[in-house]
Amino acid sequence: MKKCAHLMLVTAAACGLSSTSLAGVVPTFASWADAGSGSLNGVNFTVAKSGGGTLNNSYVGSAEFNAIYWDDTGDQQYLEYSNGQDFTITFDSAISSLSLYTYYWRGSETGGTDVYTLSESFTANATFSGTVVGDTLTGSEWNSGILSFSGPVTTLTITLGAAPSTPGNYQGFTMAQPAGSQAVPGIGGLAAIAGVGLIGRRRRR
């Protein structure tokens, strides 16, 4: 297993917020029951995948919650899965202001696929090395960061544009809502969080 330190910083964008103004803003992260189900802010969800997956842990660091350390320790769980899979996330009720925290989605140069197509419109924060055109994320390298969905989401499908160049390498994600989002789905909530740093470790298996 080869690991190397990797640091990505995000420039604050949403609603003109600065990293300073985000102090104390704590997102509500998904609570995973297993690799195929869990809940977010009291709303149950399922994840249907074309292959297997497992839960791993991450550590959310700093008092401002402005860094995520993907180092297999800590109290935030995420779904780790083979990069050759399509998957669909289904919520029991619509979720407002959904954020998808991705961990090393791989492009072709890192053993994955270049194109990810999402069924809902989204914006990507500054940590992504690729480009967003419509509902498609394209990139040849590592893509770790936050995908934010402005509209209420009940079902989200992520589809690969082509088979990965090296199937079996792992990547992952978890979900969150910004602090202030209502427990009742589809109502209110702050705009997508910006100014969040991701600190991860690349892994090859």
C-alpha atoms as a PDB file:
ATOM      1  CA  MET A   1       0.000   0.000   0.000  1.00  0.00           C
ATOM      2  CA  LYS A   2       1.522   3.288  -1.105  1.00  0.00           C
ATOM      3  CA  LYS A   3       0.530   6.442   0.728  1.00  0.00           C
ATOM      4  CA  CYS A   4       1.512  10.044   0.314  1.00  0.00           C
ATOM      5  CA  ALA A   5       0.413  13.182   2.059  1.00  0.00           C
ATOM      6  CA  HIS A   6      -1.889  15.385   0.066  1.00  0.00           C
ATOM      7  CA  LEU A   7      -3.108  18.881   0.925  1.00  0.00           C
ATOM      8  CA  MET A   8      -5.859  20.800  -0.780  1.00  0.00           C
ATOM      9  CA  LEU A   9      -7.215  24.193   0.227  1.00  0.00           C
ATOM     10  CA  VAL A  10     -10.551  25.648  -0.779  1.00  0.00           C
ATOM     11  CA  THR A  11     -11.227  29.294  -1.511  1.00  0.00           C
ATOM     12  CA  ALA A  12     -14.400  30.630   0.099  1.00  0.00           C
ATOM     13  CA  ALA A  13     -17.049  31.218  -2.534  1.00  0.00           C
ATOM     14  CA  ALA A  14     -20.644  30.626  -1.468  1.00  0.00           C
ATOM     15  CA  CYS A  15     -22.548  33.735  -0.382  1.00  0.00           C
ATOM     16  CA  GLY A  16     -19.300  35.701  -0.161  1.00  0.00           C
ATOM     17  CA  LEU A  17     -18.303  33.895   3.022  1.00  0.00           C
ATOM     18  CA  SER A  18     -14.698  34.025   4.171  1.00  0.00           C
ATOM     19  CA  SER A  19     -12.912  31.263   6.047  1.00  0.00           C
ATOM     20  CA  THR A  20     -12.988  33.516   9.116  1.00  0.00           C
ATOM     21  CA  SER A  21     -16.766  33.908   8.990  1.00  0.00           C
ATOM     22  CA  LEU A  22     -17.136  30.125   8.858  1.00  0.00           C
ATOM     23  CA  ALA A  23     -15.695  29.677  12.338  1.00  0.00           C
ATOM     24  CA  GLY A  24     -17.956  27.422  14.348  1.00  0.00           C
ATOM     25  CA  VAL A  25     -20.061  26.346  11.356  1.00  0.00           C
ATOM     26  CA  VAL A  26     -20.379  22.593  11.770  1.00  0.00           C
ATOM     27  CA  PRO A  27     -22.061  20.586   9.008  1.00  0.00           C
ATOM     28  CA  THR A  28     -24.353  17.698   9.887  1.00  0.00           C
ATOM     29  CA  PHE A  29     -22.745  14.552   8.477  1.00  0.00           C
ATOM     30  CA  ALA A  30     -24.453  11.333   7.454  1.00  0.00           C
ATOM     31  CA  SER A  31     -24.839   8.595  10.041  1.00  0.00           C
ATOM     32  CA  TRP A  32     -24.092   5.290   8.300  1.00  0.00           C
ATOM     33  CA  ALA A  33     -25.786   2.084   9.481  1.00  0.00           C
ATOM     34  CA  ASP A  34     -23.851  -0.042   6.999  1.00  0.00           C
ATOM     35  CA  ALA A  35     -22.337   0.245   3.518  1.00  0.00           C
ATOM     36  CA  GLY A  36     -25.790   0.478   1.949  1.00  0.00           C
ATOM     37  CA  SER A  37     -27.882   2.625   4.284  1.00  0.00           C
ATOM     38  CA  GLY A  38     -27.953   5.337   6.914  1.00  0.00           C
ATOM     39  CA  SER A  39     -29.581   8.648   7.758  1.00  0.00           C
ATOM     40  CA  LEU A  40     -28.871  12.337   7.260  1.00  0.00           C
ATOM     41  CA  ASN A  41     -30.448  14.832   9.631  1.00  0.00           C
ATOM     42  CA  GLY A  42     -33.117  12.275  10.538  1.00  0.00           C
ATOM     43  CA  VAL A  43     -33.917  11.290   6.941  1.00  0.00           C
ATOM     44  CA  ASN A  44     -33.110   7.686   6.006  1.00  0.00           C
ATOM     45  CA  PHE A  45     -31.223   6.871   2.813  1.00  0.00           C
ATOM     46  CA  THR A  46     -30.056   3.821   0.884  1.00  0.00           C
ATOM     47  CA  VAL A  47     -27.102   3.430  -1.473  1.00  0.00           C
ATOM     48  CA  ALA A  48     -27.467   0.954  -4.344  1.00  0.00           C
ATOM     49  CA  LYS A  49     -24.099   0.063  -5.887  1.00  0.00           C
ATOM     50  CA  SER A  50     -23.035  -2.091  -8.810  1.00  0.00           C
ATOM     51  CA  GLY A  51     -20.438  -3.726  -6.534  1.00  0.00           C
ATOM     52  CA  GLY A  52     -19.348  -3.955  -2.922  1.00  0.00           C
ATOM     53  CA  GLY A  53     -18.192  -1.360  -0.442  1.00  0.00           C
ATOM     54  CA  THR A  54     -17.148  -0.882   3.151  1.00  0.00           C
ATOM     55  CA  LEU A  55     -17.308   1.828   5.805  1.00  0.00           C
ATOM     56  CA  ASN A  56     -14.156   3.621   6.867  1.00  0.00           C
ATOM     57  CA  ASN A  57     -13.532   6.524   9.243  1.00  0.00           C
ATOM     58  CA  SER A  58     -12.265  10.065   8.829  1.00  0.00           C
ATOM     59  CA  TYR A  59     -11.264  12.706  11.345  1.00  0.00           C
ATOM     60  CA  VAL A  60     -12.771  16.189  11.228  1.00  0.00           C
ATOM     61  CA  GLY A  61     -10.140  18.487  12.648  1.00  0.00           C
ATOM     62  CA  SER A  62      -9.851  21.996  14.072  1.00  0.00           C
ATOM     63  CA  ALA A  63     -12.324  23.951  16.150  1.00  0.00           C
ATOM     64  CA  GLU A  64     -13.639  25.588  12.984  1.00  0.00           C
ATOM     65  CA  PHE A  65     -14.223  22.260  11.245  1.00  0.00           C
ATOM     66  CA  ASN A  66     -12.269  23.578   8.294  1.00  0.00           C
ATOM     67  CA  ALA A  67     -10.258  20.427   7.633  1.00  0.00           C
ATOM     68  CA  ILE A  68     -11.009  16.777   7.031  1.00  0.00           C
ATOM     69  CA  TYR A  69      -8.233  14.268   7.525  1.00  0.00           C
ATOM     70  CA  TRP A  70      -8.931  11.086   5.573  1.00  0.00           C
ATOM     71  CA  ASP A  71      -6.594   9.002   7.697  1.00  0.00           C
ATOM     72  CA  ASP A  72      -8.774   6.041   8.733  1.00  0.00           C
ATOM     73  CA  THR A  73      -9.202   7.361  12.267  1.00  0.00           C
ATOM     74  CA  GLY A  74     -11.718   9.565  13.982  1.00  0.00           C
ATOM     75  CA  ASP A  75     -15.459   9.824  14.184  1.00  0.00           C
ATOM     76  CA  GLN A  76     -16.785  10.573  10.681  1.00  0.00           C
ATOM     77  CA  GLN A  77     -17.642   7.563   8.566  1.00  0.00           C
ATOM     78  CA  TYR A  78     -17.561   7.471   4.796  1.00  0.00           C
ATOM     79  CA  LEU A  79     -18.338   4.831   2.183  1.00  0.00           C
ATOM     80  CA  GLU A  80     -15.259   3.386   0.514  1.00  0.00           C
ATOM     81  CA  TYR A  81     -15.891   1.497  -2.728  1.00  0.00           C
ATOM     82  CA  SER A  82     -14.235   0.217  -5.888  1.00  0.00           C
ATOM     83  CA  ASN A  83     -13.781   2.926  -8.515  1.00  0.00           C
ATOM     84  CA  GLY A  84     -15.523   0.801 -11.164  1.00  0.00           C
ATOM     85  CA  GLN A  85     -19.010   1.287  -9.739  1.00  0.00           C
ATOM     86  CA  ASP A  86     -22.092   3.298 -10.578  1.00  0.00           C
ATOM     87  CA  PHE A  87     -24.345   4.011  -7.610  1.00  0.00           C
ATOM     88  CA  THR A  88     -27.671   5.579  -6.641  1.00  0.00           C
ATOM     89  CA  ILE A  89     -28.462   7.343  -3.349  1.00  0.00           C
ATOM     90  CA  THR A  90     -32.162   7.430  -2.440  1.00  0.00           C
ATOM     91  CA  PHE A  91     -33.593   9.457   0.454  1.00  0.00           C
ATOM     92  CA  ASP A  92     -36.955   8.738   2.077  1.00  0.00           C
ATOM     93  CA  SER A  93     -37.753  12.461   1.720  1.00  0.00           C
ATOM     94  CA  ALA A  94     -36.147  15.282  -0.230  1.00  0.00           C
ATOM     95  CA  ILE A  95     -32.956  16.729   1.278  1.00  0.00           C
ATOM     96  CA  SER A  96     -32.179  20.431   0.919  1.00  0.00           C
ATOM     97  CA  SER A  97     -28.671  21.883   0.542  1.00  0.00           C
ATOM     98  CA  LEU A  98     -27.041  18.456   0.143  1.00  0.00           C
ATOM     99  CA  SER A  99     -23.250  18.280   0.026  1.00  0.00           C
ATOM    100  CA  LEU A 100     -21.329  15.252  -1.234  1.00  0.00           C
ATOM    101  CA  TYR A 101     -17.825  15.037   0.279  1.00  0.00           C
ATOM    102  CA  THR A 102     -15.730  13.007  -2.160  1.00  0.00           C
ATOM    103  CA  TYR A 103     -12.486  11.216  -1.369  1.00  0.00           C
ATOM    104  CA  TYR A 104     -10.093  10.659  -4.293  1.00  0.00           C
ATOM    105  CA  TRP A 105     -12.505  10.096  -7.118  1.00  0.00           C
ATOM    106  CA  ARG A 106     -10.035   8.866  -9.685  1.00  0.00           C
ATOM    107  CA  GLY A 107      -9.415  10.051 -13.220  1.00  0.00           C
ATOM    108  CA  SER A 108      -7.788   7.881 -15.884  1.00  0.00           C
ATOM    109  CA  GLU A 109      -4.254   8.910 -14.875  1.00  0.00           C
ATOM    110  CA  THR A 110      -4.875   7.546 -11.368  1.00  0.00           C
ATOM    111  CA  GLY A 111      -6.579   4.302 -12.337  1.00  0.00           C
ATOM    112  CA  GLY A 112     -10.132   5.556 -12.695  1.00  0.00           C
ATOM    113  CA  THR A 113     -12.427   7.028 -15.316  1.00  0.00           C
ATOM    114  CA  ASP A 114     -12.384  10.559 -16.716  1.00  0.00           C
ATOM    115  CA  VAL A 115     -16.109  11.265 -16.602  1.00  0.00           C
ATOM    116  CA  TYR A 116     -18.683  11.171 -13.793  1.00  0.00           C
ATOM    117  CA  THR A 117     -22.267  12.097 -14.675  1.00  0.00           C
ATOM    118  CA  LEU A 118     -24.622  13.083 -11.857  1.00  0.00           C
ATOM    119  CA  SER A 119     -28.401  13.055 -12.128  1.00  0.00           C
ATOM    120  CA  GLU A 120     -28.755  16.415 -10.312  1.00  0.00           C
ATOM    121  CA  SER A 121     -27.204  19.796 -11.074  1.00  0.00           C
ATOM    122  CA  PHE A 122     -24.252  20.620  -8.825  1.00  0.00           C
ATOM    123  CA  THR A 123     -21.325  22.921  -8.222  1.00  0.00           C
ATOM    124  CA  ALA A 124     -17.818  21.751  -7.295  1.00  0.00           C
ATOM    125  CA  ASN A 125     -15.518  23.593  -4.920  1.00  0.00           C
ATOM    126  CA  ALA A 126     -11.999  24.697  -5.780  1.00  0.00           C
ATOM    127  CA  THR A 127     -10.257  21.468  -4.747  1.00  0.00           C
ATOM    128  CA  PHE A 128     -11.405  19.601  -7.854  1.00  0.00           C
ATOM    129  CA  SER A 129      -8.734  19.282 -10.516  1.00  0.00           C
ATOM    130  CA  GLY A 130     -11.268  18.689 -13.278  1.00  0.00           C
ATOM    131  CA  THR A 131     -13.997  20.704 -14.929  1.00  0.00           C
ATOM    132  CA  VAL A 132     -17.767  20.779 -14.566  1.00  0.00           C
ATOM    133  CA  VAL A 133     -19.952  21.034 -17.663  1.00  0.00           C
ATOM    134  CA  GLY A 134     -23.655  20.726 -16.956  1.00  0.00           C
ATOM    135  CA  ASP A 135     -24.127  17.631 -14.799  1.00  0.00           C
ATOM    136  CA  THR A 136     -20.764  16.086 -15.741  1.00  0.00           C
ATOM    137  CA  LEU A 137     -17.488  16.150 -13.819  1.00  0.00           C
ATOM    138  CA  THR A 138     -14.425  15.530 -15.996  1.00  0.00           C
ATOM    139  CA  GLY A 139     -10.847  15.126 -14.813  1.00  0.00           C
ATOM    140  CA  SER A 140      -7.807  12.934 -15.374  1.00  0.00           C
ATOM    141  CA  GLU A 141      -6.295  13.130 -11.881  1.00  0.00           C
ATOM    142  CA  TRP A 142      -7.516  12.934  -8.271  1.00  0.00           C
ATOM    143  CA  ASN A 143     -10.785  14.643  -7.407  1.00  0.00           C
ATOM    144  CA  SER A 144     -11.344  15.262  -3.712  1.00  0.00           C
ATOM    145  CA  GLY A 145     -13.664  17.976  -2.525  1.00  0.00           C
ATOM    146  CA  ILE A 146     -17.279  18.964  -2.087  1.00  0.00           C
ATOM    147  CA  LEU A 147     -20.111  18.744  -4.601  1.00  0.00           C
ATOM    148  CA  SER A 148     -23.042  20.954  -3.588  1.00  0.00           C
ATOM    149  CA  PHE A 149     -26.646  20.609  -4.729  1.00  0.00           C
ATOM    150  CA  SER A 150     -28.861  23.697  -4.496  1.00  0.00           C
ATOM    151  CA  GLY A 151     -32.213  22.027  -5.110  1.00  0.00           C
ATOM    152  CA  PRO A 152     -33.936  19.403  -2.938  1.00  0.00           C
ATOM    153  CA  VAL A 153     -32.592  15.921  -3.727  1.00  0.00           C
ATOM    154  CA  THR A 154     -34.550  12.694  -3.334  1.00  0.00           C
ATOM    155  CA  THR A 155     -32.542  10.455  -5.681  1.00  0.00           C
ATOM    156  CA  LEU A 156     -28.966  11.008  -6.820  1.00  0.00           C
ATOM    157  CA  THR A 157     -27.333   8.725  -9.388  1.00  0.00           C
ATOM    158  CA  ILE A 158     -23.615   8.839 -10.264  1.00  0.00           C
ATOM    159  CA  THR A 159     -22.702   7.103 -13.527  1.00  0.00           C
ATOM    160  CA  LEU A 160     -19.251   6.419 -14.974  1.00  0.00           C
ATOM    161  CA  GLY A 161     -18.605   7.540 -18.535  1.00  0.00           C
ATOM    162  CA  ALA A 162     -16.256   4.628 -19.247  1.00  0.00           C
ATOM    163  CA  ALA A 163     -14.676   1.653 -17.530  1.00  0.00           C
ATOM    164  CA  PRO A 164     -11.823   2.652 -15.183  1.00  0.00           C
ATOM    165  CA  SER A 165      -8.293   2.138 -16.462  1.00  0.00           C
ATOM    166  CA  THR A 166      -7.408   0.183 -13.300  1.00  0.00           C
ATOM    167  CA  PRO A 167     -10.541  -1.346 -11.726  1.00  0.00           C
ATOM    168  CA  GLY A 168     -10.416  -2.120  -8.025  1.00  0.00           C
ATOM    169  CA  ASN A 169      -8.697   1.020  -6.749  1.00  0.00           C
ATOM    170  CA  TYR A 170     -10.688   2.561  -3.936  1.00  0.00           C
ATOM    171  CA  GLN A 171     -12.321   5.945  -3.519  1.00  0.00           C
ATOM    172  CA  GLY A 172     -15.094   7.183  -1.271  1.00  0.00           C
ATOM    173  CA  PHE A 173     -17.674   9.736  -0.216  1.00  0.00           C
ATOM    174  CA  THR A 174     -19.939  10.830   2.582  1.00  0.00           C
ATOM    175  CA  MET A 175     -22.789  13.339   2.731  1.00  0.00           C
ATOM    176  CA  ALA A 176     -23.658  16.373   4.817  1.00  0.00           C
ATOM    177  CA  GLN A 177     -26.015  19.281   5.217  1.00  0.00           C
ATOM    178  CA  PRO A 178     -24.776  22.755   6.195  1.00  0.00           C
ATOM    179  CA  ALA A 179     -25.378  23.888   9.742  1.00  0.00           C
ATOM    180  CA  GLY A 180     -28.748  25.572   9.961  1.00  0.00           C
ATOM    181  CA  SER A 181     -30.498  23.255   7.507  1.00  0.00           C
ATOM    182  CA  GLN A 182     -33.871  22.162   8.759  1.00  0.00           C
ATOM    183  CA  ALA A 183     -34.415  18.627  10.009  1.00  0.00           C
ATOM    184  CA  VAL A 184     -37.623  18.701   7.950  1.00  0.00           C
ATOM    185  CA  PRO A 185     -36.263  17.928   4.465  1.00  0.00           C
ATOM    186  CA  GLY A 186     -36.556  20.306   1.554  1.00  0.00           C
ATOM    187  CA  ILE A 187     -37.008  23.435   3.706  1.00  0.00           C
ATOM    188  CA  GLY A 188     -34.550  26.257   4.333  1.00  0.00           C
ATOM    189  CA  GLY A 189     -30.877  25.722   5.063  1.00  0.00           C
ATOM    190  CA  LEU A 190     -27.770  27.775   4.458  1.00  0.00           C
ATOM    191  CA  ALA A 191     -26.091  28.010   1.096  1.00  0.00           C
ATOM    192  CA  ALA A 192     -23.367  25.496   0.300  1.00  0.00           C
ATOM    193  CA  ILE A 193     -20.372  25.723   2.602  1.00  0.00           C
ATOM    194  CA  ALA A 194     -17.157  27.069   1.123  1.00  0.00           C
ATOM    195  CA  GLY A 195     -13.755  27.652   2.643  1.00  0.00           C
ATOM    196  CA  VAL A 196     -13.407  24.029   3.721  1.00  0.00           C
ATOM    197  CA  GLY A 197     -10.004  22.356   3.451  1.00  0.00           C
ATOM    198  CA  LEU A 198      -9.522  18.719   2.664  1.00  0.00           C
ATOM    199  CA  ILE A 199      -6.391  16.982   3.833  1.00  0.00           C
ATOM    200  CA  GLY A 200      -6.091  13.417   2.641  1.00  0.00           C
ATOM    201  CA  ARG A 201      -3.733  10.619   1.897  1.00  0.00           C
ATOM    202  CA  ARG A 202      -3.586   8.988  -1.467  1.00  0.00           C
ATOM    203  CA  ARG A 203      -3.931   5.257  -1.360  1.00  0.00           C
ATOM    204  CA  ARG A 204      -3.251   2.635  -3.966  1.00  0.00           C
ATOM    205  CA  ARG A 205      -4.426  -0.916  -3.443  1.00  0.00           C
END
